[in-house]
N, C-alpha and C. Protein backbone atom coordinates (compact mmCIF):
# COMPACT_ATOMS: atom_id res chain seq x y z
N UNK A 1 -3.43 -13.72 -27.09
CA UNK A 1 -4.29 -12.50 -26.59
C UNK A 1 -5.71 -12.96 -26.72
N UNK A 2 -6.24 -13.09 -25.71
CA UNK A 2 -7.72 -13.25 -25.84
C UNK A 2 -8.56 -12.42 -24.75
N UNK A 3 -9.74 -11.94 -25.12
CA UNK A 3 -10.56 -11.50 -24.30
C UNK A 3 -10.10 -9.99 -24.14
N UNK A 4 -10.49 -9.17 -23.39
CA UNK A 4 -10.27 -7.67 -22.83
C UNK A 4 -9.20 -7.91 -22.02
N UNK A 5 -8.52 -6.62 -21.36
CA UNK A 5 -7.59 -6.34 -20.74
C UNK A 5 -8.04 -6.58 -19.40
N UNK A 6 -8.21 -7.57 -18.76
CA UNK A 6 -8.89 -7.86 -17.42
C UNK A 6 -8.11 -7.09 -16.50
N UNK A 7 -7.01 -7.17 -16.40
CA UNK A 7 -5.98 -6.76 -15.34
C UNK A 7 -5.89 -5.07 -15.36
N UNK A 8 -6.32 -4.54 -16.23
CA UNK A 8 -6.33 -3.16 -16.22
C UNK A 8 -8.27 -2.62 -15.89
N UNK A 9 -8.80 -3.52 -16.25
CA UNK A 9 -10.24 -3.23 -16.13
C UNK A 9 -10.56 -3.48 -14.45
N UNK A 10 -9.95 -4.50 -13.83
CA UNK A 10 -10.11 -4.94 -12.36
C UNK A 10 -9.12 -3.80 -11.70
N UNK A 11 -8.05 -3.37 -12.15
CA UNK A 11 -7.27 -2.51 -11.42
C UNK A 11 -8.12 -1.20 -11.34
N UNK A 12 -8.63 -0.77 -12.33
CA UNK A 12 -9.29 0.46 -12.75
C UNK A 12 -10.61 0.35 -11.72
N UNK A 13 -11.17 -0.41 -11.59
CA UNK A 13 -12.57 -0.79 -11.16
C UNK A 13 -12.10 -0.64 -9.40
N UNK A 14 -11.11 -1.45 -8.87
CA UNK A 14 -10.68 -1.41 -7.21
C UNK A 14 -10.11 0.06 -7.10
N UNK A 15 -9.51 0.98 -8.06
CA UNK A 15 -9.16 2.21 -7.79
C UNK A 15 -10.25 3.21 -7.42
N UNK A 16 -11.15 2.73 -8.50
CA UNK A 16 -12.49 3.71 -8.54
C UNK A 16 -13.21 3.38 -7.16
N UNK A 17 -13.56 2.36 -6.97
CA UNK A 17 -14.20 1.95 -5.59
C UNK A 17 -13.46 2.32 -4.40
N UNK A 18 -11.97 2.35 -4.27
CA UNK A 18 -11.28 2.70 -3.16
C UNK A 18 -11.50 4.19 -3.10
N UNK A 19 -11.22 4.91 -4.16
CA UNK A 19 -11.48 6.43 -4.19
C UNK A 19 -12.82 6.77 -3.97
N UNK A 20 -13.63 6.53 -4.00
CA UNK A 20 -15.34 6.84 -3.80
C UNK A 20 -15.46 6.31 -2.55
N UNK A 21 -14.67 5.39 -1.85
CA UNK A 21 -15.19 4.84 -0.35
C UNK A 21 -14.57 5.95 0.29
N UNK A 22 -13.30 6.35 -0.01
CA UNK A 22 -12.59 7.33 0.98
C UNK A 22 -13.17 8.80 0.78
N UNK A 23 -13.45 9.05 -0.46
CA UNK A 23 -14.15 10.41 -0.47
C UNK A 23 -15.64 10.54 0.19
N UNK A 24 -16.22 9.53 -0.01
CA UNK A 24 -17.61 9.38 0.74
C UNK A 24 -17.37 9.42 2.34
N UNK A 25 -16.26 8.66 2.84
CA UNK A 25 -16.11 8.72 4.36
C UNK A 25 -15.54 9.89 4.84
N UNK A 26 -15.23 10.59 4.04
CA UNK A 26 -14.36 11.90 4.22
C UNK A 26 -15.43 12.99 4.62
N UNK A 27 -16.79 12.54 4.17
CA UNK A 27 -17.87 13.67 4.42
C UNK A 27 -18.12 13.65 5.99
N UNK A 28 -17.58 12.87 6.56
CA UNK A 28 -17.74 13.11 8.11
C UNK A 28 -16.90 14.24 8.80
N UNK A 29 -16.41 14.59 8.28
CA UNK A 29 -15.40 15.79 8.57
C UNK A 29 -15.31 16.97 7.77
N UNK A 30 -14.94 18.11 8.37
CA UNK A 30 -14.97 19.46 7.76
C UNK A 30 -14.27 19.56 6.70
N UNK A 31 -15.00 20.17 5.55
CA UNK A 31 -14.31 20.25 4.49
C UNK A 31 -13.36 21.38 4.31
N UNK A 32 -13.88 22.45 4.67
CA UNK A 32 -13.20 23.36 4.67
C UNK A 32 -13.03 24.33 3.28
N UNK A 33 -11.95 25.05 2.97
CA UNK A 33 -11.79 25.63 1.49
C UNK A 33 -10.38 25.57 1.03
N UNK A 34 -10.18 26.13 -0.20
CA UNK A 34 -8.88 25.58 -0.48
C UNK A 34 -7.84 26.42 0.22
N UNK A 35 -8.27 27.53 0.93
CA UNK A 35 -7.24 28.44 1.61
C UNK A 35 -7.29 28.14 3.10
N UNK A 36 -8.20 27.41 3.32
CA UNK A 36 -8.18 26.76 4.85
C UNK A 36 -8.87 25.21 4.72
N UNK A 37 -7.97 24.51 4.64
CA UNK A 37 -8.47 23.34 4.47
C UNK A 37 -8.91 22.64 5.56
N UNK A 38 -10.15 22.12 5.76
CA UNK A 38 -10.34 21.26 7.13
C UNK A 38 -9.76 19.74 6.88
N UNK A 39 -10.05 19.06 7.85
CA UNK A 39 -9.44 17.56 7.78
C UNK A 39 -10.21 16.61 6.85
N UNK A 40 -11.18 17.10 5.94
CA UNK A 40 -11.66 16.31 5.01
C UNK A 40 -11.52 16.62 3.71
N UNK A 41 -10.79 17.80 3.35
CA UNK A 41 -10.48 18.20 2.26
C UNK A 41 -9.73 17.36 1.55
N UNK A 42 -8.43 17.04 1.94
CA UNK A 42 -7.30 16.17 1.62
C UNK A 42 -7.74 14.68 0.97
N UNK A 43 -8.51 14.02 2.00
CA UNK A 43 -8.99 12.86 1.46
C UNK A 43 -10.27 12.97 0.61
N UNK A 44 -11.08 14.01 0.71
CA UNK A 44 -12.27 14.05 -0.18
C UNK A 44 -11.37 14.32 -1.64
N UNK A 45 -10.52 15.13 -1.77
CA UNK A 45 -10.02 15.35 -3.25
C UNK A 45 -9.45 14.48 -3.95
N UNK A 46 -8.45 13.76 -2.85
CA UNK A 46 -7.75 12.69 -3.44
C UNK A 46 -8.54 11.43 -3.82
N UNK A 47 -9.70 11.08 -2.72
CA UNK A 47 -10.63 10.19 -3.12
C UNK A 47 -11.14 10.39 -4.55
N UNK A 48 -11.93 11.40 -4.58
CA UNK A 48 -12.43 11.76 -6.11
C UNK A 48 -11.37 11.58 -7.20
N UNK A 49 -10.03 11.80 -7.10
CA UNK A 49 -9.13 11.99 -8.08
C UNK A 49 -9.00 10.33 -8.35
N UNK A 50 -8.55 9.59 -7.15
CA UNK A 50 -8.64 8.43 -7.42
C UNK A 50 -9.66 7.61 -8.04
N UNK A 51 -10.76 7.94 -7.92
CA UNK A 51 -11.94 7.34 -8.71
C UNK A 51 -11.94 7.59 -10.31
N UNK A 52 -11.42 9.00 -10.45
CA UNK A 52 -11.62 9.46 -11.99
C UNK A 52 -10.32 8.54 -12.39
N UNK A 53 -9.19 8.74 -11.91
CA UNK A 53 -8.23 7.66 -12.42
C UNK A 53 -8.34 6.26 -12.72
N UNK A 54 -9.16 5.80 -11.73
CA UNK A 54 -9.43 4.64 -11.77
C UNK A 54 -10.60 4.14 -12.97
N UNK A 55 -11.55 5.34 -13.43
CA UNK A 55 -12.14 5.10 -14.51
C UNK A 55 -11.55 5.43 -15.98
N UNK A 56 -10.25 6.19 -15.70
CA UNK A 56 -9.75 6.63 -16.80
C UNK A 56 -8.80 5.55 -17.19
N UNK A 57 -8.51 4.43 -16.26
CA UNK A 57 -7.65 3.14 -16.55
C UNK A 57 -8.75 2.10 -17.04
N UNK A 58 -9.80 2.08 -16.50
CA UNK A 58 -10.71 0.63 -17.05
C UNK A 58 -11.54 1.00 -18.07
N UNK A 59 -12.13 2.20 -18.55
CA UNK A 59 -12.33 2.52 -19.76
C UNK A 59 -11.81 2.33 -21.14
N UNK A 60 -10.80 2.42 -21.35
CA UNK A 60 -10.11 2.22 -22.27
C UNK A 60 -9.74 0.64 -22.48
N UNK A 61 -9.51 -0.11 -21.32
CA UNK A 61 -9.38 -1.39 -21.13
C UNK A 61 -10.37 -2.46 -21.89
N UNK A 62 -11.53 -1.67 -21.98
CA UNK A 62 -12.83 -2.48 -22.26
C UNK A 62 -12.63 -2.67 -23.73
N UNK A 63 -12.05 -2.01 -24.74
CA UNK A 63 -11.80 -2.19 -25.87
C UNK A 63 -10.48 -2.63 -26.39
N UNK A 64 -9.55 -2.87 -25.42
CA UNK A 64 -8.11 -3.39 -25.54
C UNK A 64 -8.16 -4.85 -25.20
N UNK A 65 -7.53 -5.41 -26.33
CA UNK A 65 -6.97 -6.99 -25.95
C UNK A 65 -6.00 -7.33 -24.88
N UNK A 66 -6.13 -8.29 -24.06
CA UNK A 66 -5.34 -8.60 -22.98
C UNK A 66 -5.24 -10.13 -22.86
N UNK A 67 -3.92 -10.29 -22.20
CA UNK A 67 -3.98 -11.82 -21.68
C UNK A 67 -4.64 -11.86 -20.53
N UNK A 68 -4.82 -13.17 -20.61
CA UNK A 68 -5.95 -13.70 -19.46
C UNK A 68 -5.02 -13.66 -18.00
N UNK A 69 -5.67 -13.32 -17.03
CA UNK A 69 -5.02 -12.92 -15.79
C UNK A 69 -5.16 -14.34 -15.27
N UNK A 70 -4.14 -14.32 -14.32
CA UNK A 70 -3.33 -15.37 -13.62
C UNK A 70 -3.14 -15.11 -12.27
N UNK A 71 -3.71 -15.51 -11.49
CA UNK A 71 -3.64 -15.34 -9.82
C UNK A 71 -2.38 -16.03 -9.50
N UNK A 72 -1.47 -15.51 -8.97
CA UNK A 72 -0.23 -16.37 -8.26
C UNK A 72 -0.79 -16.46 -6.81
N UNK A 73 -1.18 -17.34 -6.36
CA UNK A 73 -1.96 -17.55 -4.91
C UNK A 73 -0.75 -17.28 -3.84
N UNK A 74 0.30 -18.20 -3.85
CA UNK A 74 1.44 -18.22 -3.24
C UNK A 74 1.84 -16.54 -2.92
N UNK A 75 2.00 -15.79 -3.76
CA UNK A 75 2.36 -14.53 -3.81
C UNK A 75 1.20 -13.68 -3.21
N UNK A 76 0.10 -13.94 -3.45
CA UNK A 76 -1.06 -12.90 -2.59
C UNK A 76 -0.98 -13.46 -1.07
N UNK A 77 -0.96 -14.76 -0.74
CA UNK A 77 -0.88 -15.02 0.66
C UNK A 77 0.39 -14.58 1.27
N UNK A 78 1.58 -14.58 0.83
CA UNK A 78 2.69 -13.99 1.31
C UNK A 78 2.51 -12.29 1.55
N UNK A 79 1.92 -11.68 0.46
CA UNK A 79 1.87 -10.57 0.66
C UNK A 79 0.90 -10.13 1.98
N UNK A 80 -0.34 -10.66 1.90
CA UNK A 80 -1.33 -10.41 2.73
C UNK A 80 -0.65 -10.83 4.45
N UNK A 81 0.28 -11.98 4.47
CA UNK A 81 0.84 -12.24 5.51
C UNK A 81 1.75 -11.13 6.15
N UNK A 82 2.65 -10.61 4.94
CA UNK A 82 3.10 -9.41 5.41
C UNK A 82 2.25 -8.49 6.35
N UNK A 83 1.21 -7.84 5.34
CA UNK A 83 0.74 -6.89 6.15
C UNK A 83 0.03 -7.39 7.50
N UNK A 84 -0.57 -8.46 7.67
CA UNK A 84 -0.85 -9.05 9.03
C UNK A 84 0.25 -9.10 10.20
N UNK A 85 1.47 -9.34 9.42
CA UNK A 85 2.64 -9.27 10.45
C UNK A 85 2.80 -7.78 10.79
N UNK A 86 2.80 -6.81 10.33
CA UNK A 86 3.12 -5.39 10.28
C UNK A 86 1.75 -5.11 11.21
N UNK A 87 0.53 -5.36 10.99
CA UNK A 87 -0.60 -4.88 11.83
C UNK A 87 -0.26 -5.30 13.34
N UNK A 88 -0.09 -6.43 13.41
CA UNK A 88 -0.27 -7.14 14.81
C UNK A 88 1.07 -7.12 15.56
N UNK A 89 2.14 -6.70 14.66
CA UNK A 89 3.57 -6.92 15.35
C UNK A 89 4.07 -5.81 15.91
N UNK A 90 3.61 -4.69 15.16
CA UNK A 90 4.06 -3.02 15.43
C UNK A 90 4.07 -2.98 16.97
N UNK A 91 3.01 -3.17 17.77
CA UNK A 91 2.79 -2.65 19.16
C UNK A 91 3.31 -3.66 20.08
N UNK A 92 3.65 -4.90 19.61
CA UNK A 92 4.22 -6.01 20.12
C UNK A 92 5.88 -5.93 20.34
N UNK A 93 6.32 -5.79 18.94
CA UNK A 93 7.82 -6.06 18.77
C UNK A 93 8.47 -4.77 18.56
N UNK A 94 8.02 -3.66 18.14
CA UNK A 94 8.31 -2.35 17.75
C UNK A 94 8.76 -2.30 16.33
N UNK A 95 8.97 -0.91 15.90
CA UNK A 95 9.34 -0.69 14.40
C UNK A 95 10.38 -1.70 13.87
N UNK A 96 11.36 -1.66 14.32
CA UNK A 96 12.54 -2.26 13.64
C UNK A 96 12.56 -3.79 13.19
N UNK A 97 12.10 -4.52 14.34
CA UNK A 97 11.75 -6.18 14.14
C UNK A 97 10.47 -6.37 13.16
N UNK A 98 9.55 -5.50 13.29
CA UNK A 98 8.41 -5.55 12.59
C UNK A 98 8.47 -5.45 11.04
N UNK A 99 9.32 -4.29 10.62
CA UNK A 99 9.32 -3.86 9.34
C UNK A 99 10.50 -4.90 8.70
N UNK A 100 11.47 -5.30 9.56
CA UNK A 100 12.43 -6.30 9.03
C UNK A 100 11.64 -7.59 8.71
N UNK A 101 10.67 -8.06 9.61
CA UNK A 101 9.94 -9.13 9.23
C UNK A 101 8.89 -8.78 8.31
N UNK A 102 8.36 -7.81 7.99
CA UNK A 102 7.62 -7.64 6.85
C UNK A 102 8.09 -7.81 5.59
N UNK A 103 9.16 -7.25 5.62
CA UNK A 103 9.78 -7.11 4.45
C UNK A 103 10.71 -8.30 3.81
N UNK A 104 10.64 -9.05 4.70
CA UNK A 104 11.52 -10.56 4.69
C UNK A 104 10.29 -11.22 3.96
N UNK A 105 9.19 -11.11 4.54
CA UNK A 105 7.90 -12.20 4.05
C UNK A 105 7.44 -11.60 2.96
N UNK A 106 7.44 -10.53 2.73
CA UNK A 106 6.78 -9.97 1.43
C UNK A 106 7.98 -10.26 0.42
N UNK A 107 9.11 -10.06 0.71
CA UNK A 107 10.06 -10.81 -0.35
C UNK A 107 10.12 -12.13 -0.77
N UNK A 108 9.52 -12.64 -0.02
CA UNK A 108 9.43 -14.22 -0.68
C UNK A 108 8.35 -14.17 -1.55
N UNK A 109 7.45 -13.25 -1.76
CA UNK A 109 6.69 -13.43 -2.88
C UNK A 109 7.20 -13.32 -4.49
N UNK A 110 8.66 -12.79 -4.40
CA UNK A 110 9.15 -12.58 -5.48
C UNK A 110 10.30 -13.84 -5.67
N UNK A 111 9.97 -14.76 -6.77
CA UNK A 111 10.59 -15.69 -6.98
C UNK A 111 11.92 -15.46 -7.41
N UNK A 112 12.41 -14.24 -8.12
CA UNK A 112 13.68 -13.96 -8.98
C UNK A 112 14.67 -13.38 -7.65
N UNK A 113 14.16 -13.09 -6.57
CA UNK A 113 15.19 -12.51 -5.78
C UNK A 113 15.66 -13.59 -4.84
N UNK A 114 17.14 -13.45 -4.69
CA UNK A 114 17.81 -14.65 -3.91
C UNK A 114 17.92 -14.05 -2.37
N UNK A 115 18.18 -15.29 -1.62
CA UNK A 115 18.32 -14.90 -0.07
C UNK A 115 19.13 -13.86 0.23
N UNK A 116 20.06 -13.84 -0.62
CA UNK A 116 20.93 -12.61 0.13
C UNK A 116 20.27 -11.37 -0.08
N UNK A 117 19.45 -10.95 -1.23
CA UNK A 117 18.89 -9.92 -1.44
C UNK A 117 17.64 -9.62 -0.63
N UNK A 118 17.10 -11.04 -0.36
CA UNK A 118 16.14 -10.63 0.82
C UNK A 118 16.51 -10.11 2.38
N UNK A 119 17.93 -10.81 2.63
CA UNK A 119 18.55 -10.28 3.65
C UNK A 119 18.86 -8.65 3.72
N UNK A 120 19.39 -8.25 2.65
CA UNK A 120 19.81 -6.88 2.43
C UNK A 120 18.50 -6.09 2.43
N UNK A 121 17.35 -6.69 2.06
CA UNK A 121 16.15 -5.69 1.96
C UNK A 121 15.76 -5.82 3.40
N UNK A 122 15.89 -6.60 4.33
CA UNK A 122 15.13 -6.76 5.44
C UNK A 122 16.18 -6.00 6.53
N UNK A 123 17.23 -5.53 6.10
CA UNK A 123 18.39 -4.82 7.07
C UNK A 123 18.11 -3.46 6.52
N UNK A 124 18.22 -2.96 5.01
CA UNK A 124 18.16 -2.00 4.74
C UNK A 124 16.89 -1.10 4.98
N UNK A 125 15.84 -1.45 4.62
CA UNK A 125 14.38 -0.91 4.70
C UNK A 125 14.32 -0.33 6.13
N UNK A 126 14.59 -1.40 7.52
CA UNK A 126 14.01 -0.72 8.65
C UNK A 126 15.35 0.51 8.90
N UNK A 127 16.80 0.44 8.56
CA UNK A 127 17.53 1.30 8.71
C UNK A 127 17.27 2.66 8.00
N UNK A 128 16.70 2.58 6.83
CA UNK A 128 16.27 3.91 6.17
C UNK A 128 15.15 4.44 6.72
N UNK A 129 14.21 3.52 7.33
CA UNK A 129 13.13 3.94 8.06
C UNK A 129 13.37 4.89 9.18
N UNK A 130 14.37 4.01 10.05
CA UNK A 130 14.89 4.95 11.15
C UNK A 130 15.62 6.30 10.82
N UNK A 131 16.15 6.34 9.85
CA UNK A 131 16.92 7.52 9.58
C UNK A 131 15.95 8.64 8.81
N UNK A 132 14.84 8.02 8.19
CA UNK A 132 13.96 9.00 7.63
C UNK A 132 13.06 9.42 8.84
N UNK A 133 12.29 8.98 9.45
CA UNK A 133 11.38 9.07 10.57
C UNK A 133 11.88 9.32 11.57
N UNK A 134 12.70 9.00 12.20
CA UNK A 134 13.30 9.06 13.46
C UNK A 134 14.43 10.21 13.53
N UNK A 135 15.35 10.08 12.65
CA UNK A 135 16.42 11.00 12.66
C UNK A 135 16.01 12.43 12.07
N UNK A 136 15.57 12.33 10.71
CA UNK A 136 15.32 13.36 9.95
C UNK A 136 14.19 14.03 10.30
N UNK A 137 13.09 13.47 10.53
CA UNK A 137 11.51 13.96 10.81
C UNK A 137 11.35 14.07 12.37
N UNK A 138 12.04 13.47 13.20
CA UNK A 138 12.21 13.49 14.64
C UNK A 138 10.92 12.91 15.09
N UNK A 139 10.31 11.84 14.52
CA UNK A 139 9.23 11.29 14.84
C UNK A 139 9.23 10.38 16.19
N UNK A 140 8.82 10.18 17.09
CA UNK A 140 8.87 9.70 18.27
C UNK A 140 8.19 8.18 18.39
N UNK A 141 8.86 7.22 17.62
CA UNK A 141 8.59 5.91 17.58
C UNK A 141 9.36 4.94 18.42
N UNK A 142 8.36 3.82 18.52
CA UNK A 142 9.13 2.76 19.65
C UNK A 142 9.85 1.74 18.43
N UNK A 143 11.12 1.86 18.73
CA UNK A 143 11.89 1.18 17.47
C UNK A 143 12.00 -0.39 18.08
N UNK A 144 11.96 -0.74 19.21
CA UNK A 144 12.01 -2.15 19.85
C UNK A 144 11.08 -2.41 20.79
N UNK A 145 10.87 -3.73 21.03
CA UNK A 145 9.98 -4.10 22.11
C UNK A 145 10.24 -3.18 23.72
N UNK A 146 11.42 -3.22 24.17
CA UNK A 146 11.59 -2.65 25.17
C UNK A 146 11.45 -1.01 25.24
N UNK A 147 11.02 -0.23 24.33
CA UNK A 147 10.82 1.00 24.25
C UNK A 147 9.43 1.22 24.39
N UNK A 148 8.68 0.24 24.15
CA UNK A 148 7.06 0.35 24.10
C UNK A 148 6.55 0.78 25.46
C-alpha cells in the first residue's frame, strides 16, 4: 500500500461535484416547501445530500493509505459503449432489444462472467423490465421497433 486512498478520494470528489451540479441546476425550478414540494425540491435536497456524502467519503480517505488506482480501459470503454447503445438505440429499436444489447455489452466488462451468464442476463433483465414497468406499473413503453 502506498500513498492515499485515491479511489475513495476520487469517488468522493465526483459524488460531490455531481451533487452540487444537480442542486444548483435545480434552482431553475420552484422549490416549494416540505408539505407542498415543487419540482425543484427533490433534486435540490438529493443534490446537497449527495454532495455531503461525497465529502464524507473523500475527507477520511485523505488520511487513509490505499492501493494505487489501476484503470481498466477495456471495462471503461465497454461500459461507455453500453451507455451509448442505450442512448441511441432506445428510440430506434425499442426497449427490449436495446436493453438486451446494453446488458450484453456491459457484461463484457466483467472477465469472470461466462457467455452463458451473459446470455441469461441479456434475456432476464429485459423480461424483468417489462414485468415491472409495463405490467406492474402500466407504463406505456415501446417494447420493439414496430411499436414506435
